[in-house]
Amino acid sequence: MEDFRNGEQQEIYSKKIRAGKRTYFFDVKSTKGNDYFITITESKKRFDDGSFVKHKIFLYKEDFNKFVEALTETVNHVKTELMPDYNFEEFSRENNSGREYSEE
C-alpha cells in the first residue's frame, strides 16, 4: 500500500492479466478525500536491456460508464463486423504462438 503522507494514493484493489510479452494491471486507488479512480497500466518487457516500458491511463469515476461503453462497443465491432469468424475464446487459454493469456 502506498503512503498518504507522501501525497500518494492508496491502492484498494488490483487485478493483473498476463498477455504474452505484456502484463496489464487494473488498480483501484483512493485519494485523501476518499474518492476512487482506476489506473490501467500496460507493462512490456524490453529484451535489449531487460527494463520495462509502461503506459498508464487514469480513469476517473465520472468517466467509468462512458469508458466501459466505448470499450465494449469497440470490442464488439471488431468481433462482429471485422472478424466474425474468428474464435476469440482461444485467447482465454493459449493462442497459436504458444503465449499464455491468464488472469491473476
Protein backbone atom coordinates (compact mmCIF):
# COMPACT_ATOMS: atom_id res chain seq x y z
CA MET A 1 0.00 0.00 0.00
CA GLU A 2 1.12 3.50 -0.71
CA ASP A 3 1.50 6.11 2.00
CA PHE A 4 -0.93 9.05 2.14
CA ARG A 5 1.67 11.15 3.97
CA ASN A 6 3.74 11.35 0.80
CA GLY A 7 0.75 12.72 -1.13
CA GLU A 8 0.25 9.45 -2.96
CA GLN A 9 -2.87 7.38 -3.43
CA GLN A 10 -3.76 4.23 -1.55
CA GLU A 11 -4.25 1.08 -3.63
CA ILE A 12 -7.57 -0.60 -2.81
CA TYR A 13 -7.82 -3.40 -5.37
CA SER A 14 -5.59 -4.82 -8.10
CA LYS A 15 -6.08 -7.24 -10.98
CA LYS A 16 -3.21 -8.48 -13.15
CA ILE A 17 -3.54 -10.01 -16.62
CA ARG A 18 -0.53 -11.61 -18.28
CA ALA A 19 -0.81 -11.44 -22.06
CA GLY A 20 2.28 -12.78 -23.78
CA LYS A 21 5.01 -10.13 -23.66
CA ARG A 22 2.68 -7.69 -21.93
CA THR A 23 1.16 -7.50 -18.49
CA TYR A 24 -1.88 -5.35 -17.76
CA PHE A 25 -2.65 -4.02 -14.30
CA PHE A 26 -6.10 -2.74 -13.31
CA ASP A 27 -5.78 -0.90 -10.00
CA VAL A 28 -8.39 0.88 -7.91
CA LYS A 29 -6.88 3.68 -5.85
CA SER A 30 -8.29 6.13 -3.36
CA THR A 31 -7.42 9.74 -2.70
CA LYS A 32 -7.09 11.52 0.63
CA GLY A 33 -10.70 12.63 0.21
CA ASN A 34 -11.94 9.02 -0.07
CA ASP A 35 -12.59 9.35 -3.78
CA TYR A 36 -11.75 6.48 -6.13
CA PHE A 37 -10.22 6.13 -9.56
CA ILE A 38 -8.77 3.37 -11.72
CA THR A 39 -5.36 3.15 -13.30
CA ILE A 40 -4.82 0.81 -16.24
CA THR A 41 -1.16 0.06 -16.85
CA GLU A 42 0.40 -1.84 -19.74
CA SER A 43 3.87 -3.13 -18.91
CA LYS A 44 6.05 -4.62 -21.65
CA LYS A 45 9.50 -6.07 -21.10
CA ARG A 46 12.26 -4.79 -23.36
CA PHE A 47 14.52 -7.63 -24.39
CA ASP A 48 17.52 -5.47 -25.23
CA ASP A 49 18.15 -4.31 -21.66
CA GLY A 50 15.56 -6.16 -19.55
CA SER A 51 13.79 -2.97 -18.49
CA PHE A 52 10.05 -2.41 -18.71
CA VAL A 53 8.15 0.12 -20.79
CA LYS A 54 4.96 1.22 -19.05
CA HIS A 55 1.94 3.10 -20.33
CA LYS A 56 -0.73 4.24 -17.91
CA ILE A 57 -4.30 5.51 -18.20
CA PHE A 58 -6.06 7.25 -15.32
CA LEU A 59 -9.80 6.69 -15.33
CA TYR A 60 -11.94 8.84 -13.06
CA LYS A 61 -15.37 7.86 -11.70
CA GLU A 62 -17.25 10.39 -13.83
CA ASP A 63 -15.89 8.64 -16.94
CA PHE A 64 -16.39 4.98 -15.90
CA ASN A 65 -19.66 4.45 -17.77
CA LYS A 66 -18.54 6.25 -20.95
CA PHE A 67 -15.25 4.32 -20.95
CA VAL A 68 -16.87 0.90 -20.46
CA GLU A 69 -19.49 1.69 -23.10
CA ALA A 70 -16.90 2.80 -25.67
CA LEU A 71 -14.60 -0.16 -24.95
CA THR A 72 -17.46 -2.66 -25.19
CA GLU A 73 -18.74 -1.09 -28.41
CA THR A 74 -15.25 -1.12 -29.95
CA VAL A 75 -14.53 -4.75 -29.00
CA ASN A 76 -17.95 -5.85 -30.26
CA HIS A 77 -17.35 -4.05 -33.56
CA VAL A 78 -14.10 -5.96 -34.10
CA LYS A 79 -15.71 -9.26 -33.10
CA THR A 80 -18.92 -8.93 -35.12
CA GLU A 81 -18.06 -6.68 -38.07
CA LEU A 82 -14.36 -7.17 -38.76
CA MET A 83 -13.65 -10.72 -37.56
CA PRO A 84 -16.97 -12.57 -37.20
CA ASP A 85 -15.47 -15.98 -37.98
CA TYR A 86 -12.54 -15.70 -35.59
CA ASN A 87 -12.61 -17.72 -32.35
CA PHE A 88 -11.71 -15.20 -29.65
CA GLU A 89 -12.24 -17.84 -26.96
CA GLU A 90 -8.87 -19.38 -27.79
CA PHE A 91 -7.24 -16.38 -26.11
CA SER A 92 -8.77 -17.45 -22.82
CA ARG A 93 -6.38 -20.36 -22.81
CA GLU A 94 -3.48 -20.02 -25.21
CA ASN A 95 -3.05 -18.54 -28.67
CA ASN A 96 -1.39 -20.10 -31.71
CA SER A 97 2.10 -18.79 -30.90
CA GLY A 98 2.07 -20.55 -27.53
CA ARG A 99 1.88 -17.36 -25.48
CA GLU A 100 -0.33 -17.79 -22.48
CA TYR A 101 -3.04 -15.37 -21.51
CA SER A 102 -4.04 -15.58 -17.91
CA GLU A 103 -5.68 -13.55 -15.19
CA GLU A 104 -4.26 -13.32 -11.70
